[in-house]
Amino acid sequence: MNHTSAAPTHLLHGRRIVGTRRQAAKARHLAARPGISAPFLRGEQLGIFKHGHAVALNPEETSSDPTWPAIRDYLVNHYDGDSEDPFWDENIWYRINPSWIVAYSTDSVGLLDQQPPV
């Protein structure tokens, strides 16, 4: 059975980062079957589709990925969070190591001319 659900994702240093609660069905599913697909859509102008494997950045009871401290700092800052908040230990974050990526744009030249939102 395939499971599809939305999750907050971040593009950080060319890698897609996704998080969920440790007790969530998504976390159990990724622990058992780490295959993951993650689309990014900007209306009908741009679509980026990525498929690969989810790698836990801050697993429980084992050492964290070496990139986790910097990613955690980014997330705390992004969410205006408190680094001491237990929220960060109650959630698990994954990096998607892609096996393929494809992009689509209805107007790639026009898209390149647009300024990114600040």
N, C-alpha and C. Protein backbone atom coordinates (compact mmCIF):
# COMPACT_ATOMS: atom_id res chain seq x y z
N MET A 1 0.84 -1.18 0.00
CA MET A 1 0.00 0.00 0.00
C MET A 1 0.89 1.24 0.00
N ASN A 2 0.60 2.19 -0.87
CA ASN A 2 1.31 3.45 -0.90
C ASN A 2 0.60 4.46 -0.02
N HIS A 3 1.37 5.28 0.65
CA HIS A 3 0.82 6.34 1.49
C HIS A 3 1.22 7.69 0.91
N THR A 4 0.29 8.59 0.84
CA THR A 4 0.56 9.93 0.37
C THR A 4 0.05 10.91 1.40
N SER A 5 0.90 11.85 1.77
CA SER A 5 0.49 12.89 2.71
C SER A 5 1.41 14.08 2.56
N ALA A 6 0.92 15.20 2.97
CA ALA A 6 1.71 16.43 2.89
C ALA A 6 2.62 16.54 4.11
N ALA A 7 3.73 17.23 3.92
CA ALA A 7 4.67 17.47 5.02
C ALA A 7 5.45 18.73 4.68
N PRO A 8 5.88 19.46 5.72
CA PRO A 8 6.70 20.63 5.44
C PRO A 8 8.07 20.18 4.93
N THR A 9 8.52 20.82 3.86
CA THR A 9 9.84 20.51 3.34
C THR A 9 10.63 21.79 3.16
N HIS A 10 11.93 21.65 3.19
CA HIS A 10 12.85 22.77 3.02
C HIS A 10 13.90 22.36 2.02
N LEU A 11 14.29 23.28 1.16
CA LEU A 11 15.42 23.06 0.26
C LEU A 11 16.61 23.77 0.88
N LEU A 12 17.58 22.99 1.29
CA LEU A 12 18.73 23.53 2.02
C LEU A 12 20.01 22.94 1.42
N HIS A 13 20.85 23.80 0.87
CA HIS A 13 22.11 23.37 0.26
C HIS A 13 21.87 22.30 -0.80
N GLY A 14 20.82 22.48 -1.59
CA GLY A 14 20.53 21.56 -2.68
C GLY A 14 19.88 20.26 -2.26
N ARG A 15 19.55 20.12 -1.00
CA ARG A 15 18.91 18.89 -0.50
C ARG A 15 17.53 19.22 0.06
N ARG A 16 16.58 18.35 -0.19
CA ARG A 16 15.24 18.51 0.33
C ARG A 16 15.21 17.87 1.72
N ILE A 17 14.73 18.63 2.72
CA ILE A 17 14.62 18.20 4.11
C ILE A 17 13.14 18.13 4.45
N VAL A 18 12.70 17.04 5.07
CA VAL A 18 11.30 16.85 5.43
C VAL A 18 11.22 16.36 6.88
N GLY A 19 10.19 16.81 7.60
CA GLY A 19 10.06 16.43 9.00
C GLY A 19 8.66 15.97 9.35
N THR A 20 8.57 15.21 10.44
CA THR A 20 7.29 14.73 10.95
C THR A 20 7.47 14.34 12.42
N ARG A 21 6.36 14.13 13.11
CA ARG A 21 6.41 13.66 14.50
C ARG A 21 6.96 12.24 14.53
N ARG A 22 7.73 11.90 15.53
CA ARG A 22 8.31 10.55 15.63
C ARG A 22 7.22 9.46 15.71
N GLN A 23 6.08 9.80 16.32
CA GLN A 23 5.01 8.81 16.49
C GLN A 23 4.08 8.75 15.28
N ALA A 24 4.27 9.59 14.30
CA ALA A 24 3.36 9.65 13.15
C ALA A 24 3.49 8.41 12.26
N ALA A 25 2.40 8.10 11.58
CA ALA A 25 2.41 6.98 10.64
C ALA A 25 3.48 7.18 9.58
N LYS A 26 3.69 8.42 9.15
CA LYS A 26 4.72 8.72 8.15
C LYS A 26 6.10 8.28 8.64
N ALA A 27 6.44 8.53 9.90
CA ALA A 27 7.74 8.14 10.45
C ALA A 27 7.88 6.61 10.48
N ARG A 28 6.82 5.92 10.89
CA ARG A 28 6.86 4.46 10.90
C ARG A 28 7.00 3.92 9.48
N HIS A 29 6.28 4.52 8.55
CA HIS A 29 6.32 4.10 7.15
C HIS A 29 7.73 4.29 6.58
N LEU A 30 8.35 5.45 6.81
CA LEU A 30 9.68 5.71 6.28
C LEU A 30 10.75 4.83 6.93
N ALA A 31 10.55 4.47 8.20
CA ALA A 31 11.49 3.56 8.85
C ALA A 31 11.44 2.18 8.20
N ALA A 32 10.25 1.74 7.82
CA ALA A 32 10.10 0.42 7.20
C ALA A 32 10.41 0.43 5.70
N ARG A 33 10.03 1.52 5.04
CA ARG A 33 10.19 1.63 3.58
C ARG A 33 10.63 3.06 3.28
N PRO A 34 11.94 3.30 3.16
CA PRO A 34 12.44 4.67 3.04
C PRO A 34 12.27 5.32 1.66
N GLY A 35 11.66 4.63 0.70
CA GLY A 35 11.41 5.26 -0.59
C GLY A 35 10.45 6.44 -0.42
N ILE A 36 10.78 7.58 -1.05
CA ILE A 36 9.97 8.78 -0.85
C ILE A 36 9.94 9.60 -2.13
N SER A 37 8.80 10.21 -2.40
CA SER A 37 8.66 11.16 -3.50
C SER A 37 8.24 12.50 -2.91
N ALA A 38 8.79 13.58 -3.45
CA ALA A 38 8.49 14.91 -2.92
C ALA A 38 8.38 15.90 -4.06
N PRO A 39 7.17 16.34 -4.36
CA PRO A 39 7.02 17.36 -5.40
C PRO A 39 7.15 18.77 -4.82
N PHE A 40 7.57 19.70 -5.65
CA PHE A 40 7.53 21.11 -5.34
C PHE A 40 6.80 21.77 -6.49
N LEU A 41 5.74 22.49 -6.19
CA LEU A 41 4.95 23.14 -7.22
C LEU A 41 4.83 24.62 -6.94
N ARG A 42 4.98 25.42 -7.97
CA ARG A 42 4.69 26.85 -7.89
C ARG A 42 3.59 27.10 -8.90
N GLY A 43 2.35 26.99 -8.42
CA GLY A 43 1.20 27.14 -9.30
C GLY A 43 1.32 26.19 -10.48
N GLU A 44 1.00 26.69 -11.65
CA GLU A 44 1.15 25.88 -12.86
C GLU A 44 2.42 26.27 -13.63
N GLN A 45 3.22 27.17 -13.04
CA GLN A 45 4.44 27.63 -13.71
C GLN A 45 5.61 26.68 -13.58
N LEU A 46 5.71 26.01 -12.43
CA LEU A 46 6.91 25.22 -12.16
C LEU A 46 6.55 23.98 -11.36
N GLY A 47 7.11 22.88 -11.75
CA GLY A 47 6.99 21.64 -10.99
C GLY A 47 8.33 20.95 -10.93
N ILE A 48 8.76 20.58 -9.73
CA ILE A 48 9.99 19.82 -9.56
C ILE A 48 9.61 18.57 -8.79
N PHE A 49 9.92 17.42 -9.36
CA PHE A 49 9.52 16.14 -8.78
C PHE A 49 10.78 15.34 -8.48
N LYS A 50 10.86 14.86 -7.25
CA LYS A 50 12.04 14.16 -6.77
C LYS A 50 11.61 12.84 -6.16
N HIS A 51 12.37 11.79 -6.45
CA HIS A 51 12.13 10.50 -5.82
C HIS A 51 13.48 9.96 -5.35
N GLY A 52 13.48 9.34 -4.19
CA GLY A 52 14.72 8.79 -3.66
C GLY A 52 14.48 8.07 -2.35
N HIS A 53 15.45 8.15 -1.47
CA HIS A 53 15.38 7.49 -0.17
C HIS A 53 15.50 8.52 0.95
N ALA A 54 14.70 8.32 1.99
CA ALA A 54 14.73 9.18 3.16
C ALA A 54 15.82 8.69 4.12
N VAL A 55 16.70 9.60 4.52
CA VAL A 55 17.76 9.29 5.46
C VAL A 55 17.49 10.09 6.73
N ALA A 56 17.31 9.39 7.85
CA ALA A 56 17.02 10.06 9.13
C ALA A 56 18.23 10.88 9.56
N LEU A 57 17.98 12.16 9.89
CA LEU A 57 19.05 13.05 10.32
C LEU A 57 19.24 13.03 11.83
N ASN A 58 18.15 12.77 12.57
CA ASN A 58 18.24 12.78 14.03
C ASN A 58 17.48 11.59 14.61
N PRO A 59 17.93 10.37 14.28
CA PRO A 59 17.22 9.18 14.79
C PRO A 59 17.37 9.05 16.31
N GLU A 60 16.39 8.39 16.91
CA GLU A 60 16.46 8.14 18.35
C GLU A 60 17.41 6.98 18.60
N GLU A 61 18.10 7.03 19.72
CA GLU A 61 18.93 5.94 20.22
C GLU A 61 20.13 5.61 19.34
N THR A 62 20.43 6.44 18.34
CA THR A 62 21.66 6.28 17.57
C THR A 62 22.23 7.66 17.31
N SER A 63 23.45 7.70 16.82
CA SER A 63 24.05 9.01 16.60
C SER A 63 23.40 9.72 15.42
N SER A 64 23.38 11.03 15.48
CA SER A 64 22.78 11.85 14.43
C SER A 64 23.71 11.94 13.23
N ASP A 65 23.13 12.28 12.10
CA ASP A 65 23.89 12.56 10.89
C ASP A 65 24.82 13.74 11.17
N PRO A 66 26.03 13.76 10.63
CA PRO A 66 26.95 14.87 10.89
C PRO A 66 26.41 16.23 10.45
N THR A 67 25.49 16.25 9.50
CA THR A 67 24.93 17.52 9.05
C THR A 67 23.79 18.01 9.93
N TRP A 68 23.31 17.18 10.86
CA TRP A 68 22.13 17.53 11.66
C TRP A 68 22.30 18.81 12.47
N PRO A 69 23.41 19.06 13.18
CA PRO A 69 23.49 20.30 13.97
C PRO A 69 23.26 21.57 13.13
N ALA A 70 23.85 21.65 11.95
CA ALA A 70 23.66 22.84 11.10
C ALA A 70 22.23 22.92 10.57
N ILE A 71 21.66 21.77 10.21
CA ILE A 71 20.27 21.76 9.72
C ILE A 71 19.32 22.13 10.85
N ARG A 72 19.58 21.62 12.05
CA ARG A 72 18.75 21.95 13.22
C ARG A 72 18.80 23.45 13.48
N ASP A 73 19.98 24.04 13.43
CA ASP A 73 20.12 25.49 13.64
C ASP A 73 19.30 26.25 12.60
N TYR A 74 19.36 25.82 11.34
CA TYR A 74 18.57 26.46 10.28
C TYR A 74 17.08 26.37 10.60
N LEU A 75 16.60 25.18 10.98
CA LEU A 75 15.17 24.98 11.25
C LEU A 75 14.71 25.81 12.45
N VAL A 76 15.50 25.83 13.53
CA VAL A 76 15.16 26.62 14.71
C VAL A 76 15.02 28.09 14.31
N ASN A 77 15.97 28.59 13.52
CA ASN A 77 15.93 29.97 13.07
C ASN A 77 14.73 30.21 12.14
N HIS A 78 14.49 29.29 11.21
CA HIS A 78 13.39 29.45 10.26
C HIS A 78 12.04 29.56 10.98
N TYR A 79 11.84 28.74 11.99
CA TYR A 79 10.57 28.73 12.72
C TYR A 79 10.57 29.67 13.92
N ASP A 80 11.60 30.51 14.05
CA ASP A 80 11.72 31.40 15.20
C ASP A 80 11.55 30.62 16.50
N GLY A 81 12.18 29.46 16.55
CA GLY A 81 11.99 28.57 17.68
C GLY A 81 13.02 28.77 18.77
N ASP A 82 12.83 28.06 19.85
CA ASP A 82 13.73 28.02 20.98
C ASP A 82 14.50 26.70 20.87
N SER A 83 15.80 26.76 20.78
CA SER A 83 16.59 25.54 20.59
C SER A 83 16.47 24.57 21.77
N GLU A 84 16.00 25.05 22.92
CA GLU A 84 15.81 24.18 24.09
C GLU A 84 14.43 23.53 24.11
N ASP A 85 13.55 23.92 23.20
CA ASP A 85 12.19 23.40 23.14
C ASP A 85 12.21 21.90 22.83
N PRO A 86 11.46 21.08 23.59
CA PRO A 86 11.42 19.63 23.32
C PRO A 86 10.87 19.28 21.94
N PHE A 87 10.23 20.24 21.26
CA PHE A 87 9.72 20.02 19.91
C PHE A 87 10.78 19.38 19.03
N TRP A 88 12.03 19.82 19.15
CA TRP A 88 13.10 19.36 18.27
C TRP A 88 13.46 17.91 18.51
N ASP A 89 13.24 17.41 19.72
CA ASP A 89 13.49 16.00 20.01
C ASP A 89 12.27 15.14 19.72
N GLU A 90 11.09 15.74 19.69
CA GLU A 90 9.85 15.00 19.44
C GLU A 90 9.61 14.76 17.96
N ASN A 91 10.38 15.41 17.10
CA ASN A 91 10.22 15.28 15.66
C ASN A 91 11.45 14.65 15.04
N ILE A 92 11.23 13.99 13.93
CA ILE A 92 12.33 13.41 13.18
C ILE A 92 12.38 14.08 11.82
N TRP A 93 13.58 14.37 11.39
CA TRP A 93 13.80 15.05 10.12
C TRP A 93 14.62 14.14 9.21
N TYR A 94 14.31 14.19 7.93
CA TYR A 94 14.96 13.35 6.93
C TYR A 94 15.54 14.21 5.81
N ARG A 95 16.62 13.73 5.24
CA ARG A 95 17.15 14.28 4.00
C ARG A 95 16.74 13.31 2.89
N ILE A 96 16.28 13.83 1.78
CA ILE A 96 15.95 12.96 0.65
C ILE A 96 17.18 12.85 -0.24
N ASN A 97 17.73 11.64 -0.33
CA ASN A 97 18.81 11.37 -1.26
C ASN A 97 18.16 10.92 -2.56
N PRO A 98 18.16 11.77 -3.58
CA PRO A 98 17.39 11.48 -4.79
C PRO A 98 18.03 10.41 -5.69
N SER A 99 17.15 9.61 -6.29
CA SER A 99 17.60 8.72 -7.35
C SER A 99 17.24 9.31 -8.70
N TRP A 100 16.21 10.19 -8.72
CA TRP A 100 15.90 10.96 -9.93
C TRP A 100 15.16 12.23 -9.58
N ILE A 101 15.37 13.24 -10.43
CA ILE A 101 14.70 14.53 -10.30
C ILE A 101 14.30 14.96 -11.70
N VAL A 102 13.10 15.49 -11.83
CA VAL A 102 12.65 16.03 -13.11
C VAL A 102 11.93 17.34 -12.83
N ALA A 103 12.06 18.27 -13.73
CA ALA A 103 11.40 19.57 -13.58
C ALA A 103 10.58 19.87 -14.82
N TYR A 104 9.55 20.69 -14.62
CA TYR A 104 8.66 21.08 -15.71
C TYR A 104 8.30 22.55 -15.52
N SER A 105 8.29 23.28 -16.62
CA SER A 105 7.85 24.67 -16.57
C SER A 105 7.10 24.99 -17.85
N THR A 106 6.00 25.72 -17.71
CA THR A 106 5.24 26.14 -18.88
C THR A 106 5.90 27.32 -19.56
N ASP A 107 6.76 28.06 -18.84
CA ASP A 107 7.43 29.24 -19.39
C ASP A 107 8.77 29.40 -18.68
N SER A 108 9.74 28.58 -19.04
CA SER A 108 11.02 28.59 -18.33
C SER A 108 11.75 29.92 -18.47
N VAL A 109 11.68 30.57 -19.63
CA VAL A 109 12.35 31.86 -19.81
C VAL A 109 11.71 32.91 -18.92
N GLY A 110 10.38 32.97 -18.91
CA GLY A 110 9.68 33.91 -18.04
C GLY A 110 9.94 33.63 -16.57
N LEU A 111 10.05 32.36 -16.21
CA LEU A 111 10.31 31.98 -14.83
C LEU A 111 11.70 32.45 -14.38
N LEU A 112 12.66 32.37 -15.27
CA LEU A 112 14.02 32.83 -14.94
C LEU A 112 14.08 34.34 -14.78
N ASP A 113 13.19 35.06 -15.45
CA ASP A 113 13.16 36.53 -15.33
C ASP A 113 12.53 37.01 -14.04
N GLN A 114 11.78 36.16 -13.35
CA GLN A 114 11.08 36.56 -12.12
C GLN A 114 12.06 36.61 -10.96
N GLN A 115 11.82 37.55 -10.07
CA GLN A 115 12.60 37.65 -8.85
C GLN A 115 12.01 36.69 -7.82
N PRO A 116 12.85 35.94 -7.10
CA PRO A 116 12.31 35.06 -6.06
C PRO A 116 11.71 35.86 -4.92
N PRO A 117 10.68 35.31 -4.24
CA PRO A 117 10.11 36.01 -3.09
C PRO A 117 11.13 36.09 -1.96
N VAL A 118 11.10 37.20 -1.24
CA VAL A 118 12.04 37.41 -0.14
C VAL A 118 11.42 36.97 1.15
